[in-house]
C-alpha atoms as a PDB file:
ATOM      1  CA  MET A   1     -67.859 -42.113  -1.382  1.00  0.00           C
ATOM      2  CA  SER A   2     -68.207 -40.149  -4.542  1.00  0.00           C
ATOM      3  CA  THR A   3     -65.250 -37.764  -5.724  1.00  0.00           C
ATOM      4  CA  THR A   4     -66.656 -34.551  -7.583  1.00  0.00           C
ATOM      5  CA  GLN A   5     -64.786 -34.039 -10.770  1.00  0.00           C
ATOM      6  CA  PRO A   6     -63.615 -30.358 -11.142  1.00  0.00           C
ATOM      7  CA  THR A   7     -65.230 -28.483 -13.834  1.00  0.00           C
ATOM      8  CA  LEU A   8     -63.712 -26.255 -16.469  1.00  0.00           C
ATOM      9  CA  ASP A   9     -64.741 -23.154 -14.576  1.00  0.00           C
ATOM     10  CA  ASP A  10     -62.990 -24.627 -11.453  1.00  0.00           C
ATOM     11  CA  ILE A  11     -59.824 -25.179 -13.366  1.00  0.00           C
ATOM     12  CA  TRP A  12     -60.076 -21.762 -14.938  1.00  0.00           C
ATOM     13  CA  LYS A  13     -60.397 -20.234 -11.488  1.00  0.00           C
ATOM     14  CA  LEU A  14     -57.306 -22.351 -10.186  1.00  0.00           C
ATOM     15  CA  CYS A  15     -55.238 -21.169 -13.141  1.00  0.00           C
ATOM     16  CA  GLN A  16     -56.266 -17.379 -12.440  1.00  0.00           C
ATOM     17  CA  GLU A  17     -55.565 -17.838  -8.581  1.00  0.00           C
ATOM     18  CA  THR A  18     -52.162 -19.459  -9.369  1.00  0.00           C
ATOM     19  CA  ASP A  19     -51.339 -16.529 -12.025  1.00  0.00           C
ATOM     20  CA  ARG A  20     -52.357 -13.838  -9.262  1.00  0.00           C
ATOM     21  CA  GLN A  21     -50.111 -15.699  -6.687  1.00  0.00           C
ATOM     22  CA  PHE A  22     -47.260 -15.824  -9.198  1.00  0.00           C
ATOM     23  CA  LYS A  23     -47.689 -12.063 -10.044  1.00  0.00           C
ATOM     24  CA  GLU A  24     -47.903 -11.209  -6.283  1.00  0.00           C
ATOM     25  CA  SER A  25     -44.635 -13.031  -5.537  1.00  0.00           C
ATOM     26  CA  ASP A  26     -42.949 -11.445  -8.475  1.00  0.00           C
ATOM     27  CA  ARG A  27     -44.042  -8.013  -7.176  1.00  0.00           C
ATOM     28  CA  LYS A  28     -42.635  -8.743  -3.871  1.00  0.00           C
ATOM     29  CA  PHE A  29     -39.439 -10.024  -5.219  1.00  0.00           C
ATOM     30  CA  GLN A  30     -38.976  -6.765  -7.374  1.00  0.00           C
ATOM     31  CA  GLU A  31     -39.760  -4.663  -4.283  1.00  0.00           C
ATOM     32  CA  THR A  32     -37.238  -6.609  -2.177  1.00  0.00           C
ATOM     33  CA  ARG A  33     -34.669  -6.252  -4.810  1.00  0.00           C
ATOM     34  CA  GLU A  34     -35.196  -2.521  -5.014  1.00  0.00           C
ATOM     35  CA  GLU A  35     -34.929  -2.293  -1.309  1.00  0.00           C
ATOM     36  CA  LEU A  36     -31.633  -4.221  -1.557  1.00  0.00           C
ATOM     37  CA  ARG A  37     -30.388  -1.928  -4.083  1.00  0.00           C
ATOM     38  CA  ASN A  38     -31.285   1.072  -2.258  1.00  0.00           C
ATOM     39  CA  LEU A  39     -29.893  -0.336   0.982  1.00  0.00           C
ATOM     40  CA  SER A  40     -26.587  -1.209  -0.971  1.00  0.00           C
ATOM     41  CA  LYS A  41     -26.433   2.340  -2.351  1.00  0.00           C
ATOM     42  CA  GLU A  42     -26.983   3.720   1.058  1.00  0.00           C
ATOM     43  CA  THR A  43     -24.276   1.562   2.422  1.00  0.00           C
ATOM     44  CA  ASP A  44     -21.746   2.704  -0.240  1.00  0.00           C
ATOM     45  CA  ARG A  45     -22.571   6.356   0.311  1.00  0.00           C
ATOM     46  CA  LYS A  46     -21.763   5.824   4.045  1.00  0.00           C
ATOM     47  CA  ILE A  47     -18.642   3.681   3.377  1.00  0.00           C
ATOM     48  CA  LYS A  48     -16.982   5.886   0.785  1.00  0.00           C
ATOM     49  CA  PRO A  49     -16.164   8.749   2.999  1.00  0.00           C
ATOM     50  CA  VAL A  50     -14.757   6.285   5.530  1.00  0.00           C
ATOM     51  CA  SER A  51     -12.649   4.462   2.998  1.00  0.00           C
ATOM     52  CA  GLU A  52     -11.556   7.911   1.635  1.00  0.00           C
ATOM     53  CA  SER A  53     -10.595   9.072   5.290  1.00  0.00           C
ATOM     54  CA  ILE A  54      -8.705   5.740   5.773  1.00  0.00           C
ATOM     55  CA  GLY A  55      -6.762   6.243   2.491  1.00  0.00           C
ATOM     56  CA  ARG A  56      -5.823   9.764   3.574  1.00  0.00           C
ATOM     57  CA  LEU A  57      -4.886   8.662   7.002  1.00  0.00           C
ATOM     58  CA  GLY A  58      -2.480   6.029   5.359  1.00  0.00           C
ATOM     59  CA  ASN A  59      -1.179   8.777   3.191  1.00  0.00           C
ATOM     60  CA  LYS A  60      -0.497  10.847   6.179  1.00  0.00           C
ATOM     61  CA  ARG A  61       1.251   8.323   8.022  1.00  0.00           C
ATOM     62  CA  GLY A  62       3.522   7.581   5.045  1.00  0.00           C
ATOM     63  CA  ASP A  63       4.175  11.378   4.697  1.00  0.00           C
ATOM     64  CA  PHE A  64       5.000  11.280   8.475  1.00  0.00           C
ATOM     65  CA  VAL A  65       7.649   8.645   7.859  1.00  0.00           C
ATOM     66  CA  GLU A  66       8.983  10.415   4.993  1.00  0.00           C
ATOM     67  CA  GLU A  67       9.238  13.758   6.931  1.00  0.00           C
ATOM     68  CA  MET A  68      11.124  11.778   9.743  1.00  0.00           C
ATOM     69  CA  VAL A  69      13.594  10.202   7.705  1.00  0.00           C
ATOM     70  CA  ARG A  70      14.333  13.029   5.276  1.00  0.00           C
ATOM     71  CA  PRO A  71      16.238  15.230   7.714  1.00  0.00           C
ATOM     72  CA  ALA A  72      18.100  12.351   9.139  1.00  0.00           C
ATOM     73  CA  ALA A  73      19.155  10.547   5.751  1.00  0.00           C
ATOM     74  CA  VAL A  74      22.293  12.548   4.780  1.00  0.00           C
ATOM     75  CA  ARG A  75      23.598  11.894   8.414  1.00  0.00           C
ATOM     76  CA  LEU A  76      22.864   8.130   8.530  1.00  0.00           C
ATOM     77  CA  PHE A  77      24.354   7.520   5.090  1.00  0.00           C
ATOM     78  CA  ARG A  78      27.476   9.527   6.088  1.00  0.00           C
ATOM     79  CA  GLU A  79      27.856   7.457   9.248  1.00  0.00           C
ATOM     80  CA  CYS A  80      27.920   4.525   6.763  1.00  0.00           C
ATOM     81  CA  GLY A  81      30.706   6.051   5.016  1.00  0.00           C
ATOM     82  CA  ILE A  82      28.616   7.389   2.070  1.00  0.00           C
ATOM     83  CA  ASP A  83      29.167  11.104   2.052  1.00  0.00           C
ATOM     84  CA  LEU A  84      25.735  12.309   0.349  1.00  0.00           C
ATOM     85  CA  HIS A  85      25.026  15.912  -0.159  1.00  0.00           C
ATOM     86  CA  GLU A  86      21.465  16.414  -1.416  1.00  0.00           C
ATOM     87  CA  VAL A  87      17.893  15.035  -0.574  1.00  0.00           C
ATOM     88  CA  HIS A  88      15.128  15.384  -3.051  1.00  0.00           C
ATOM     89  CA  GLN A  89      11.564  14.743  -2.311  1.00  0.00           C
ATOM     90  CA  ASN A  90       8.757  13.149  -4.508  1.00  0.00           C
ATOM     91  CA  ILE A  91      10.481  12.572  -7.438  1.00  0.00           C
ATOM     92  CA  SER A  92       8.516  11.173 -10.734  1.00  0.00           C
ATOM     93  CA  SER A  93       9.306  10.700 -14.364  1.00  0.00           C
ATOM     94  CA  GLN A  94       7.363   9.395 -17.472  1.00  0.00           C
ATOM     95  CA  ARG A  95       9.165   8.136 -20.551  1.00  0.00           C
ATOM     96  CA  ASP A  96       8.310   5.895 -23.388  1.00  0.00           C
ATOM     97  CA  GLY A  97       5.280   4.556 -21.645  1.00  0.00           C
ATOM     98  CA  GLU A  98       7.046   3.843 -18.363  1.00  0.00           C
ATOM     99  CA  GLY A  99       6.678   5.692 -15.064  1.00  0.00           C
ATOM    100  CA  ILE A 100       8.572   5.847 -11.946  1.00  0.00           C
ATOM    101  CA  GLU A 101       7.885   7.595  -8.427  1.00  0.00           C
ATOM    102  CA  MET A 102      10.687   7.750  -5.579  1.00  0.00           C
ATOM    103  CA  ASP A 103       9.755   9.143  -2.091  1.00  0.00           C
ATOM    104  CA  LEU A 104      13.260  10.295  -1.530  1.00  0.00           C
ATOM    105  CA  LEU A 105      16.464  10.516  -3.453  1.00  0.00           C
ATOM    106  CA  VAL A 106      19.718  11.259  -1.783  1.00  0.00           C
ATOM    107  CA  VAL A 107      22.686  12.112  -3.853  1.00  0.00           C
ATOM    108  CA  ASN A 108      26.416  12.779  -4.055  1.00  0.00           C
ATOM    109  CA  ASP A 109      28.604  13.221  -7.023  1.00  0.00           C
ATOM    110  CA  THR A 110      28.881   9.339  -7.553  1.00  0.00           C
ATOM    111  CA  ASP A 111      25.994   7.815  -5.482  1.00  0.00           C
ATOM    112  CA  ILE A 112      22.222   7.897  -5.697  1.00  0.00           C
ATOM    113  CA  ILE A 113      20.070   6.299  -2.888  1.00  0.00           C
ATOM    114  CA  ALA A 114      16.482   5.895  -3.478  1.00  0.00           C
ATOM    115  CA  ILE A 115      14.289   5.494  -0.341  1.00  0.00           C
ATOM    116  CA  GLU A 116      10.962   4.080  -0.181  1.00  0.00           C
ATOM    117  CA  CYS A 117       8.849   5.352   2.829  1.00  0.00           C
ATOM    118  CA  ASN A 118       5.724   3.409   3.808  1.00  0.00           C
ATOM    119  CA  SER A 119       3.581   3.509   6.966  1.00  0.00           C
ATOM    120  CA  THR A 120       3.477  -0.286   6.905  1.00  0.00           C
ATOM    121  CA  LEU A 121       6.475  -1.879   5.044  1.00  0.00           C
ATOM    122  CA  GLY A 122       5.676  -5.358   3.598  1.00  0.00           C
ATOM    123  CA  ILE A 123       7.429  -7.884   1.325  1.00  0.00           C
ATOM    124  CA  ASP A 124       5.633  -6.569  -1.611  1.00  0.00           C
ATOM    125  CA  ASP A 125       6.625  -3.029  -0.846  1.00  0.00           C
ATOM    126  CA  VAL A 126      10.139  -4.282  -0.870  1.00  0.00           C
ATOM    127  CA  ASN A 127       9.814  -6.105  -4.206  1.00  0.00           C
ATOM    128  CA  SER A 128       8.165  -3.046  -5.786  1.00  0.00           C
ATOM    129  CA  HIS A 129      11.055  -0.810  -4.622  1.00  0.00           C
ATOM    130  CA  LEU A 130      13.732  -3.289  -6.290  1.00  0.00           C
ATOM    131  CA  GLN A 131      11.756  -3.064  -9.610  1.00  0.00           C
ATOM    132  CA  ARG A 132      11.881   0.602  -9.444  1.00  0.00           C
ATOM    133  CA  LEU A 133      15.592   0.569  -8.781  1.00  0.00           C
ATOM    134  CA  GLN A 134      16.163  -1.313 -11.994  1.00  0.00           C
ATOM    135  CA  LYS A 135      14.091   1.416 -14.067  1.00  0.00           C
ATOM    136  CA  LEU A 136      15.871   4.386 -12.341  1.00  0.00           C
ATOM    137  CA  LYS A 137      18.772   5.077 -14.485  1.00  0.00           C
ATOM    138  CA  ARG A 138      16.604   4.463 -17.648  1.00  0.00           C
ATOM    139  CA  LEU A 139      13.768   6.823 -16.613  1.00  0.00           C
ATOM    140  CA  LEU A 140      15.982   9.260 -14.566  1.00  0.00           C
ATOM    141  CA  PRO A 141      19.030   9.296 -17.087  1.00  0.00           C
ATOM    142  CA  SER A 142      20.574  12.495 -15.492  1.00  0.00           C
ATOM    143  CA  TYR A 143      21.404  10.069 -12.969  1.00  0.00           C
ATOM    144  CA  ALA A 144      22.764   7.167 -15.290  1.00  0.00           C
ATOM    145  CA  HIS A 145      26.396   7.791 -14.321  1.00  0.00           C
ATOM    146  CA  LYS A 146      25.977   7.266 -10.576  1.00  0.00           C
ATOM    147  CA  ARG A 147      25.986   4.028  -8.525  1.00  0.00           C
ATOM    148  CA  VAL A 148      22.491   3.270  -7.572  1.00  0.00           C
ATOM    149  CA  MET A 149      21.494   1.892  -4.269  1.00  0.00           C
ATOM    150  CA  GLY A 150      18.178   1.430  -2.416  1.00  0.00           C
ATOM    151  CA  ALA A 151      16.591   1.935   1.073  1.00  0.00           C
ATOM    152  CA  VAL A 152      13.149   1.232   2.764  1.00  0.00           C
ATOM    153  CA  THR A 153      11.694   2.421   5.897  1.00  0.00           C
ATOM    154  CA  GLY A 154       8.106   2.089   7.510  1.00  0.00           C
ATOM    155  CA  MET A 155       6.412   3.177  10.809  1.00  0.00           C
ATOM    156  CA  VAL A 156       5.444  -0.431  10.847  1.00  0.00           C
ATOM    157  CA  LEU A 157       8.477  -2.526   9.845  1.00  0.00           C
ATOM    158  CA  PRO A 158       8.291  -6.386  10.721  1.00  0.00           C
ATOM    159  CA  ASP A 159      11.645  -8.224  11.499  1.00  0.00           C
ATOM    160  CA  HIS A 160      10.986 -10.500   8.523  1.00  0.00           C
ATOM    161  CA  VAL A 161      10.660  -7.714   6.117  1.00  0.00           C
ATOM    162  CA  ALA A 162      13.640  -5.924   7.375  1.00  0.00           C
ATOM    163  CA  ARG A 163      15.790  -9.222   7.027  1.00  0.00           C
ATOM    164  CA  TYR A 164      14.424  -9.720   3.592  1.00  0.00           C
ATOM    165  CA  ALA A 165      15.117  -6.223   2.474  1.00  0.00           C
ATOM    166  CA  CYS A 166      18.771  -6.461   3.622  1.00  0.00           C
ATOM    167  CA  GLN A 167      19.106 -10.071   1.826  1.00  0.00           C
ATOM    168  CA  GLN A 168      18.009  -8.130  -1.361  1.00  0.00           C
ATOM    169  CA  GLY A 169      20.782  -5.557  -0.902  1.00  0.00           C
ATOM    170  CA  LEU A 170      18.610  -2.805   0.470  1.00  0.00           C
ATOM    171  CA  PHE A 171      19.403  -0.640   3.431  1.00  0.00           C
ATOM    172  CA  VAL A 172      16.717  -0.532   6.212  1.00  0.00           C
ATOM    173  CA  ILE A 173      15.984   2.621   8.141  1.00  0.00           C
ATOM    174  CA  ALA A 174      13.932   1.355  11.212  1.00  0.00           C
ATOM    175  CA  GLN A 175      12.847   2.624  14.595  1.00  0.00           C
ATOM    176  CA  THR A 176      15.168   1.189  17.351  1.00  0.00           C
ATOM    177  CA  GLY A 177      18.051   1.954  19.686  1.00  0.00           C
ATOM    178  CA  ASP A 178      18.786   5.373  21.647  1.00  0.00           C
ATOM    179  CA  PRO A 179      20.599   7.454  19.159  1.00  0.00           C
ATOM    180  CA  LEU A 180      20.244   7.517  15.489  1.00  0.00           C
ATOM    181  CA  SER A 181      22.658   4.724  14.566  1.00  0.00           C
ATOM    182  CA  LEU A 182      23.873   2.270  11.846  1.00  0.00           C
ATOM    183  CA  ARG A 183      23.573  -1.547  12.399  1.00  0.00           C
ATOM    184  CA  LYS A 184      25.652  -3.501   9.688  1.00  0.00           C
ATOM    185  CA  PRO A 185      25.545  -7.199   8.917  1.00  0.00           C
ATOM    186  CA  GLY A 186      26.878  -9.307  11.534  1.00  0.00           C
ATOM    187  CA  GLU A 187      26.581  -6.891  14.354  1.00  0.00           C
ATOM    188  CA  PRO A 188      24.096  -7.660  17.113  1.00  0.00           C
ATOM    189  CA  GLU A 189      20.697  -5.932  16.974  1.00  0.00           C
ATOM    190  CA  PRO A 190      20.512  -2.937  19.312  1.00  0.00           C
ATOM    191  CA  THR A 191      18.508  -3.356  22.560  1.00  0.00           C
ATOM    192  CA  PRO A 192      15.281  -1.190  21.804  1.00  0.00           C
ATOM    193  CA  LYS A 193      14.930   1.762  24.324  1.00  0.00           C
ATOM    194  CA  ARG A 194      13.499   4.932  22.607  1.00  0.00           C
ATOM    195  CA  ARG A 195      12.087   4.441  19.294  1.00  0.00           C
ATOM    196  CA  LYS A 196      14.391   6.286  16.847  1.00  0.00           C
ATOM    197  CA  PRO A 197      15.662   5.742  13.503  1.00  0.00           C
ATOM    198  CA  CYS A 198      18.635   3.607  12.682  1.00  0.00           C
ATOM    199  CA  LEU A 199      19.943   2.401   9.507  1.00  0.00           C
ATOM    200  CA  THR A 200      20.743  -1.318   8.736  1.00  0.00           C
ATOM    201  CA  HIS A 201      23.238  -1.881   5.946  1.00  0.00           C
ATOM    202  CA  PRO A 202      22.806  -4.494   3.481  1.00  0.00           C
END
């Protein structure tokens, strides 16, 4: 059985066909890549307003917590023996390249309590607030002569986060109990009934 040797013309045609197939594959690859790029842009375009809406919702929930705590703050701390008089909302300061923002400041002649209000309070939020408290007198020097304390609150406030905040010396304003009340260390936790703010002393 004889085998026909390919001629130069056969080899040339094979090379041309191979080159054509490579070009066709590259064309299809470029088309697929362009389709994926367009799909990614379309997906980003659709996701962006959803992400912005979620962000606004989170901000509104935080604002809701803030508005719920603000009118009760003075009374809660007075029940704790700290006779506060003023509530200041959304305080910010920039000095020497540093910045600070506080949701609520509750003040009297000798004390200032900075309250962090979150929709969902986590360990990182507690640690961030502790760092803000360390900078407060430096960045808000008009309060430098006052005793600085801190408090945290959240619409969602897990028990382990509340315990951690208390361990770090922060007050915790939580949704529990029947009236607005104060729970100090060593006291049993109130049995939850209607969800209303109470203050846990550090």
